[in-house]
Amino acid sequence: MRTIPSSSLTMASASSSVNSRFMIPNVGSLTNGRESAATSLRFIVLAALVCLSAPPAASATEHRSRAVAREFQREHPCPSTGRTTGACPGYWRDHVVPLACGGPDAVSNMQWQTVADARAKDAWERRGCSR
């Protein structure tokens, strides 16, 4: 049978207390209920601060200004019809930087995109920008 030097045990216990105190709370290493409650409270407060400091996540159902869409089409006529109002067959208005990734709903952030390209980009955005 192999014995472990006492110096190794001291280092292991010191590193486990550091990990439980600063990384993920290890409930088994806590000595009483008050420390457990204090650790849980610190974790909850930290999680709340992170959630409140993050920008709100945009979603596909987020309000998109119709006025911005109309202004975009006035400045950039439909590629298939050349019209500045109405439908644009085969094309969708697209946000260059997706709203879900924090992009603005502004004319400067919009472009015409073919329906096929827009569907492919939407699939990528759902994977890449989800929070």
N, C-alpha and C. Protein backbone atom coordinates (compact mmCIF):
# COMPACT_ATOMS: atom_id res chain seq x y z
N MET A 1 0.84 -1.17 0.00
CA MET A 1 0.00 0.00 0.00
C MET A 1 0.89 1.24 0.00
N ARG A 2 0.49 2.23 -0.75
CA ARG A 2 1.26 3.46 -0.90
C ARG A 2 0.76 4.52 0.06
N THR A 3 1.66 5.27 0.65
CA THR A 3 1.25 6.37 1.53
C THR A 3 1.44 7.68 0.80
N ILE A 4 0.61 8.66 1.15
CA ILE A 4 0.68 9.98 0.54
C ILE A 4 1.33 10.91 1.54
N PRO A 5 2.36 11.66 1.12
CA PRO A 5 3.02 12.59 2.05
C PRO A 5 2.02 13.63 2.57
N SER A 6 2.21 14.05 3.80
CA SER A 6 1.30 15.02 4.41
C SER A 6 1.32 16.36 3.70
N SER A 7 2.44 16.73 3.07
CA SER A 7 2.50 17.99 2.34
C SER A 7 1.54 17.98 1.15
N SER A 8 1.36 16.82 0.52
CA SER A 8 0.42 16.71 -0.59
C SER A 8 -1.01 16.89 -0.12
N LEU A 9 -1.30 16.38 1.05
CA LEU A 9 -2.66 16.51 1.58
C LEU A 9 -2.97 17.97 1.90
N THR A 10 -1.99 18.69 2.41
CA THR A 10 -2.20 20.10 2.73
C THR A 10 -2.49 20.89 1.47
N MET A 11 -1.75 20.65 0.40
CA MET A 11 -1.96 21.36 -0.85
C MET A 11 -3.34 21.03 -1.43
N ALA A 12 -3.73 19.76 -1.35
CA ALA A 12 -5.02 19.36 -1.90
C ALA A 12 -6.16 20.03 -1.15
N SER A 13 -6.06 20.08 0.17
CA SER A 13 -7.15 20.69 0.92
C SER A 13 -7.19 22.20 0.69
N ALA A 14 -6.02 22.83 0.52
CA ALA A 14 -5.99 24.26 0.26
C ALA A 14 -6.59 24.57 -1.11
N SER A 15 -6.25 23.75 -2.11
CA SER A 15 -6.78 24.03 -3.44
C SER A 15 -8.28 23.77 -3.50
N SER A 16 -8.78 22.78 -2.77
CA SER A 16 -10.22 22.52 -2.81
C SER A 16 -10.99 23.64 -2.12
N SER A 17 -10.40 24.24 -1.05
CA SER A 17 -11.11 25.35 -0.40
C SER A 17 -11.11 26.58 -1.30
N VAL A 18 -10.04 26.79 -2.06
CA VAL A 18 -10.00 27.91 -3.00
C VAL A 18 -11.04 27.70 -4.08
N ASN A 19 -11.11 26.48 -4.63
CA ASN A 19 -12.09 26.20 -5.68
C ASN A 19 -13.51 26.36 -5.18
N SER A 20 -13.80 25.90 -3.96
CA SER A 20 -15.17 26.00 -3.47
C SER A 20 -15.53 27.44 -3.12
N ARG A 21 -14.53 28.24 -2.78
CA ARG A 21 -14.82 29.61 -2.39
C ARG A 21 -14.95 30.53 -3.59
N PHE A 22 -14.13 30.32 -4.64
CA PHE A 22 -14.08 31.26 -5.74
C PHE A 22 -14.69 30.73 -7.03
N MET A 23 -14.82 29.46 -7.19
CA MET A 23 -15.34 28.93 -8.45
C MET A 23 -16.80 28.51 -8.25
N ILE A 24 -17.03 27.24 -8.18
CA ILE A 24 -18.38 26.71 -8.02
C ILE A 24 -18.53 26.27 -6.57
N PRO A 25 -19.56 26.73 -5.88
CA PRO A 25 -19.73 26.35 -4.47
C PRO A 25 -19.81 24.84 -4.33
N ASN A 26 -19.01 24.30 -3.41
CA ASN A 26 -19.03 22.88 -3.11
C ASN A 26 -19.71 22.73 -1.76
N VAL A 27 -20.96 22.34 -1.76
CA VAL A 27 -21.76 22.32 -0.55
C VAL A 27 -21.18 21.34 0.46
N GLY A 28 -20.56 20.27 -0.02
CA GLY A 28 -19.99 19.27 0.88
C GLY A 28 -18.84 19.80 1.71
N SER A 29 -18.13 20.81 1.24
CA SER A 29 -16.97 21.32 1.98
C SER A 29 -17.34 22.41 2.98
N LEU A 30 -18.58 22.85 3.01
CA LEU A 30 -18.99 23.90 3.93
C LEU A 30 -19.21 23.32 5.31
N THR A 31 -18.94 24.11 6.34
CA THR A 31 -18.98 23.58 7.69
C THR A 31 -20.33 23.75 8.37
N ASN A 32 -21.12 24.74 7.98
CA ASN A 32 -22.42 24.88 8.62
C ASN A 32 -23.43 25.48 7.65
N GLY A 33 -24.67 25.55 8.05
CA GLY A 33 -25.75 26.05 7.20
C GLY A 33 -25.63 27.52 6.86
N ARG A 34 -25.04 28.32 7.78
CA ARG A 34 -24.91 29.75 7.50
C ARG A 34 -23.97 30.00 6.34
N GLU A 35 -22.87 29.26 6.27
CA GLU A 35 -21.95 29.43 5.15
C GLU A 35 -22.61 29.02 3.84
N SER A 36 -23.41 27.94 3.91
CA SER A 36 -24.11 27.48 2.72
C SER A 36 -25.11 28.54 2.24
N ALA A 37 -25.84 29.13 3.15
CA ALA A 37 -26.81 30.16 2.80
C ALA A 37 -26.11 31.40 2.25
N ALA A 38 -24.99 31.77 2.87
CA ALA A 38 -24.24 32.94 2.40
C ALA A 38 -23.68 32.69 1.00
N THR A 39 -23.18 31.49 0.76
CA THR A 39 -22.65 31.16 -0.56
C THR A 39 -23.76 31.18 -1.60
N SER A 40 -24.90 30.60 -1.25
CA SER A 40 -26.04 30.60 -2.18
C SER A 40 -26.51 32.02 -2.47
N LEU A 41 -26.56 32.85 -1.45
CA LEU A 41 -26.98 34.23 -1.64
C LEU A 41 -26.01 34.98 -2.53
N ARG A 42 -24.69 34.77 -2.32
CA ARG A 42 -23.70 35.41 -3.18
C ARG A 42 -23.87 34.97 -4.63
N PHE A 43 -24.11 33.69 -4.84
CA PHE A 43 -24.29 33.16 -6.19
C PHE A 43 -25.53 33.77 -6.84
N ILE A 44 -26.63 33.88 -6.11
CA ILE A 44 -27.87 34.45 -6.64
C ILE A 44 -27.69 35.92 -6.98
N VAL A 45 -27.04 36.66 -6.10
CA VAL A 45 -26.80 38.09 -6.35
C VAL A 45 -25.90 38.27 -7.56
N LEU A 46 -24.85 37.46 -7.68
CA LEU A 46 -23.96 37.55 -8.83
C LEU A 46 -24.71 37.22 -10.12
N ALA A 47 -25.53 36.18 -10.10
CA ALA A 47 -26.30 35.82 -11.29
C ALA A 47 -27.28 36.94 -11.67
N ALA A 48 -27.91 37.56 -10.68
CA ALA A 48 -28.84 38.65 -10.96
C ALA A 48 -28.11 39.85 -11.58
N LEU A 49 -26.92 40.17 -11.07
CA LEU A 49 -26.15 41.28 -11.62
C LEU A 49 -25.73 41.01 -13.06
N VAL A 50 -25.34 39.79 -13.35
CA VAL A 50 -24.95 39.44 -14.72
C VAL A 50 -26.15 39.58 -15.65
N CYS A 51 -27.31 39.09 -15.21
CA CYS A 51 -28.52 39.18 -16.05
C CYS A 51 -28.94 40.63 -16.28
N LEU A 52 -28.84 41.45 -15.26
CA LEU A 52 -29.27 42.84 -15.39
C LEU A 52 -28.29 43.68 -16.19
N SER A 53 -27.01 43.32 -16.17
CA SER A 53 -26.03 44.12 -16.89
C SER A 53 -25.95 43.75 -18.37
N ALA A 54 -26.44 42.57 -18.74
CA ALA A 54 -26.41 42.15 -20.15
C ALA A 54 -27.46 42.90 -20.94
N PRO A 55 -27.17 43.24 -22.21
CA PRO A 55 -28.18 43.90 -23.02
C PRO A 55 -29.34 42.96 -23.27
N PRO A 56 -30.54 43.49 -23.41
CA PRO A 56 -31.68 42.60 -23.63
C PRO A 56 -31.52 41.84 -24.94
N ALA A 57 -31.86 40.58 -24.89
CA ALA A 57 -31.75 39.74 -26.09
C ALA A 57 -32.91 40.06 -27.04
N ALA A 58 -32.58 40.27 -28.27
CA ALA A 58 -33.61 40.52 -29.27
C ALA A 58 -34.14 39.18 -29.76
N SER A 59 -35.34 39.17 -30.23
CA SER A 59 -35.90 37.94 -30.75
C SER A 59 -36.58 38.24 -32.08
N ALA A 60 -37.00 37.18 -32.73
CA ALA A 60 -37.66 37.34 -34.02
C ALA A 60 -38.99 38.06 -33.87
N THR A 61 -39.56 38.04 -32.67
CA THR A 61 -40.84 38.70 -32.45
C THR A 61 -40.67 40.14 -31.97
N GLU A 62 -39.44 40.59 -31.84
CA GLU A 62 -39.20 41.96 -31.39
C GLU A 62 -39.80 42.94 -32.39
N HIS A 63 -40.29 44.04 -31.87
CA HIS A 63 -40.91 45.05 -32.72
C HIS A 63 -39.90 45.59 -33.72
N ARG A 64 -40.27 45.56 -34.96
CA ARG A 64 -39.44 46.13 -36.03
C ARG A 64 -40.23 47.29 -36.62
N SER A 65 -39.59 48.41 -36.69
CA SER A 65 -40.26 49.62 -37.12
C SER A 65 -40.63 49.55 -38.61
N ARG A 66 -41.90 49.72 -38.89
CA ARG A 66 -42.34 49.78 -40.29
C ARG A 66 -41.83 51.05 -40.96
N ALA A 67 -41.71 52.10 -40.17
CA ALA A 67 -41.20 53.36 -40.72
C ALA A 67 -39.76 53.18 -41.21
N VAL A 68 -38.96 52.43 -40.48
CA VAL A 68 -37.57 52.19 -40.90
C VAL A 68 -37.57 51.36 -42.18
N ALA A 69 -38.42 50.35 -42.28
CA ALA A 69 -38.50 49.51 -43.48
C ALA A 69 -38.94 50.34 -44.70
N ARG A 70 -39.92 51.22 -44.50
CA ARG A 70 -40.37 52.07 -45.61
C ARG A 70 -39.26 53.04 -46.05
N GLU A 71 -38.58 53.62 -45.07
CA GLU A 71 -37.49 54.54 -45.38
C GLU A 71 -36.37 53.82 -46.14
N PHE A 72 -36.07 52.59 -45.72
CA PHE A 72 -35.05 51.81 -46.42
C PHE A 72 -35.45 51.60 -47.88
N GLN A 73 -36.72 51.23 -48.12
CA GLN A 73 -37.13 50.98 -49.51
C GLN A 73 -37.17 52.26 -50.32
N ARG A 74 -37.49 53.40 -49.69
CA ARG A 74 -37.44 54.67 -50.42
C ARG A 74 -36.02 54.99 -50.87
N GLU A 75 -35.06 54.72 -49.99
CA GLU A 75 -33.66 55.02 -50.31
C GLU A 75 -33.01 53.96 -51.20
N HIS A 76 -33.51 52.73 -51.11
CA HIS A 76 -32.94 51.60 -51.86
C HIS A 76 -34.09 50.86 -52.56
N PRO A 77 -34.43 51.23 -53.77
CA PRO A 77 -35.56 50.60 -54.46
C PRO A 77 -35.37 49.08 -54.60
N CYS A 78 -36.50 48.39 -54.76
CA CYS A 78 -36.51 46.93 -54.90
C CYS A 78 -35.64 46.51 -56.09
N PRO A 79 -34.74 45.53 -55.91
CA PRO A 79 -33.88 45.10 -57.01
C PRO A 79 -34.64 44.43 -58.16
N SER A 80 -35.78 43.81 -57.88
CA SER A 80 -36.49 43.10 -58.96
C SER A 80 -37.47 43.99 -59.71
N THR A 81 -38.07 44.98 -59.04
CA THR A 81 -39.07 45.82 -59.71
C THR A 81 -38.63 47.27 -59.88
N GLY A 82 -37.67 47.70 -59.08
CA GLY A 82 -37.23 49.08 -59.13
C GLY A 82 -38.17 50.04 -58.41
N ARG A 83 -39.19 49.51 -57.76
CA ARG A 83 -40.17 50.38 -57.07
C ARG A 83 -39.68 50.77 -55.68
N THR A 84 -40.11 51.94 -55.24
CA THR A 84 -39.74 52.43 -53.91
C THR A 84 -40.82 52.17 -52.87
N THR A 85 -41.91 51.55 -53.28
CA THR A 85 -42.98 51.16 -52.34
C THR A 85 -43.51 49.80 -52.77
N GLY A 86 -44.21 49.15 -51.84
CA GLY A 86 -44.87 47.90 -52.16
C GLY A 86 -43.98 46.67 -52.03
N ALA A 87 -44.52 45.54 -52.51
CA ALA A 87 -43.83 44.26 -52.40
C ALA A 87 -42.60 44.22 -53.30
N CYS A 88 -41.68 43.34 -52.93
CA CYS A 88 -40.45 43.15 -53.71
C CYS A 88 -40.27 41.64 -53.92
N PRO A 89 -40.85 41.10 -54.99
CA PRO A 89 -40.83 39.65 -55.19
C PRO A 89 -39.42 39.09 -55.30
N GLY A 90 -39.18 38.01 -54.53
CA GLY A 90 -37.89 37.34 -54.56
C GLY A 90 -36.85 37.91 -53.61
N TYR A 91 -37.19 39.00 -52.92
CA TYR A 91 -36.24 39.63 -52.01
C TYR A 91 -36.88 39.93 -50.66
N TRP A 92 -36.07 39.90 -49.62
CA TRP A 92 -36.48 40.30 -48.28
C TRP A 92 -35.56 41.41 -47.80
N ARG A 93 -36.09 42.26 -46.94
CA ARG A 93 -35.25 43.23 -46.26
C ARG A 93 -34.54 42.48 -45.14
N ASP A 94 -33.24 42.68 -45.03
CA ASP A 94 -32.45 41.93 -44.05
C ASP A 94 -31.62 42.90 -43.22
N HIS A 95 -31.47 42.58 -41.95
CA HIS A 95 -30.58 43.36 -41.08
C HIS A 95 -29.18 42.77 -41.21
N VAL A 96 -28.21 43.58 -41.59
CA VAL A 96 -26.83 43.13 -41.78
C VAL A 96 -26.31 42.54 -40.47
N VAL A 97 -26.35 43.30 -39.40
CA VAL A 97 -26.06 42.79 -38.06
C VAL A 97 -27.41 42.44 -37.46
N PRO A 98 -27.67 41.15 -37.24
CA PRO A 98 -28.99 40.71 -36.80
C PRO A 98 -29.45 41.40 -35.51
N LEU A 99 -30.75 41.62 -35.42
CA LEU A 99 -31.30 42.20 -34.20
C LEU A 99 -31.01 41.29 -33.01
N ALA A 100 -31.06 39.97 -33.23
CA ALA A 100 -30.79 39.01 -32.15
C ALA A 100 -29.36 39.10 -31.64
N CYS A 101 -28.47 39.65 -32.44
CA CYS A 101 -27.06 39.80 -32.04
C CYS A 101 -26.77 41.22 -31.57
N GLY A 102 -27.80 42.03 -31.42
CA GLY A 102 -27.60 43.40 -30.93
C GLY A 102 -27.54 44.46 -32.00
N GLY A 103 -27.83 44.11 -33.25
CA GLY A 103 -27.81 45.09 -34.33
C GLY A 103 -28.97 46.07 -34.22
N PRO A 104 -28.79 47.29 -34.70
CA PRO A 104 -29.86 48.29 -34.62
C PRO A 104 -30.91 48.09 -35.71
N ASP A 105 -32.13 48.50 -35.40
CA ASP A 105 -33.20 48.51 -36.41
C ASP A 105 -33.13 49.87 -37.08
N ALA A 106 -32.19 50.00 -38.03
CA ALA A 106 -31.94 51.28 -38.69
C ALA A 106 -31.68 51.03 -40.17
N VAL A 107 -31.95 52.05 -40.98
CA VAL A 107 -31.74 51.95 -42.43
C VAL A 107 -30.29 51.58 -42.73
N SER A 108 -29.36 52.12 -41.98
CA SER A 108 -27.94 51.84 -42.23
C SER A 108 -27.56 50.39 -41.96
N ASN A 109 -28.43 49.64 -41.28
CA ASN A 109 -28.16 48.24 -40.95
C ASN A 109 -29.02 47.30 -41.79
N MET A 110 -29.58 47.77 -42.90
CA MET A 110 -30.46 46.93 -43.71
C MET A 110 -29.90 46.76 -45.12
N GLN A 111 -30.31 45.64 -45.75
CA GLN A 111 -29.91 45.34 -47.12
C GLN A 111 -31.00 44.49 -47.77
N TRP A 112 -31.02 44.46 -49.10
CA TRP A 112 -31.89 43.54 -49.82
C TRP A 112 -31.17 42.20 -49.88
N GLN A 113 -31.92 41.13 -49.70
CA GLN A 113 -31.32 39.80 -49.76
C GLN A 113 -32.31 38.85 -50.44
N THR A 114 -31.80 37.97 -51.30
CA THR A 114 -32.70 37.00 -51.94
C THR A 114 -33.33 36.12 -50.86
N VAL A 115 -34.49 35.58 -51.16
CA VAL A 115 -35.21 34.76 -50.20
C VAL A 115 -34.35 33.56 -49.76
N ALA A 116 -33.70 32.89 -50.71
CA ALA A 116 -32.86 31.73 -50.38
C ALA A 116 -31.69 32.12 -49.47
N ASP A 117 -31.03 33.21 -49.80
CA ASP A 117 -29.91 33.67 -48.96
C ASP A 117 -30.40 34.09 -47.57
N ALA A 118 -31.55 34.72 -47.52
CA ALA A 118 -32.09 35.16 -46.23
C ALA A 118 -32.43 33.97 -45.34
N ARG A 119 -32.99 32.91 -45.92
CA ARG A 119 -33.30 31.72 -45.12
C ARG A 119 -32.03 31.07 -44.59
N ALA A 120 -31.00 31.00 -45.41
CA ALA A 120 -29.72 30.42 -44.96
C ALA A 120 -29.11 31.27 -43.85
N LYS A 121 -29.17 32.59 -44.00
CA LYS A 121 -28.61 33.48 -42.98
C LYS A 121 -29.42 33.38 -41.69
N ASP A 122 -30.75 33.29 -41.80
CA ASP A 122 -31.59 33.15 -40.60
C ASP A 122 -31.23 31.89 -39.82
N ALA A 123 -30.96 30.79 -40.51
CA ALA A 123 -30.58 29.55 -39.84
C ALA A 123 -29.26 29.75 -39.10
N TRP A 124 -28.30 30.41 -39.74
CA TRP A 124 -27.02 30.68 -39.10
C TRP A 124 -27.20 31.59 -37.88
N GLU A 125 -28.05 32.60 -38.01
CA GLU A 125 -28.27 33.54 -36.91
C GLU A 125 -28.87 32.84 -35.70
N ARG A 126 -29.80 31.92 -35.94
CA ARG A 126 -30.40 31.22 -34.81
C ARG A 126 -29.36 30.42 -34.04
N ARG A 127 -28.40 29.83 -34.75
CA ARG A 127 -27.34 29.07 -34.07
C ARG A 127 -26.30 29.99 -33.44
N GLY A 128 -25.89 31.01 -34.17
CA GLY A 128 -24.76 31.84 -33.72
C GLY A 128 -25.11 32.94 -32.75
N CYS A 129 -26.33 33.41 -32.76
CA CYS A 129 -26.68 34.56 -31.93
C CYS A 129 -27.56 34.21 -30.74
N SER A 130 -27.91 32.95 -30.58
CA SER A 130 -28.78 32.61 -29.46
C SER A 130 -28.03 32.82 -28.17
N ARG A 131 -28.74 33.30 -27.12
CA ARG A 131 -28.11 33.62 -25.84
C ARG A 131 -28.60 32.70 -24.77
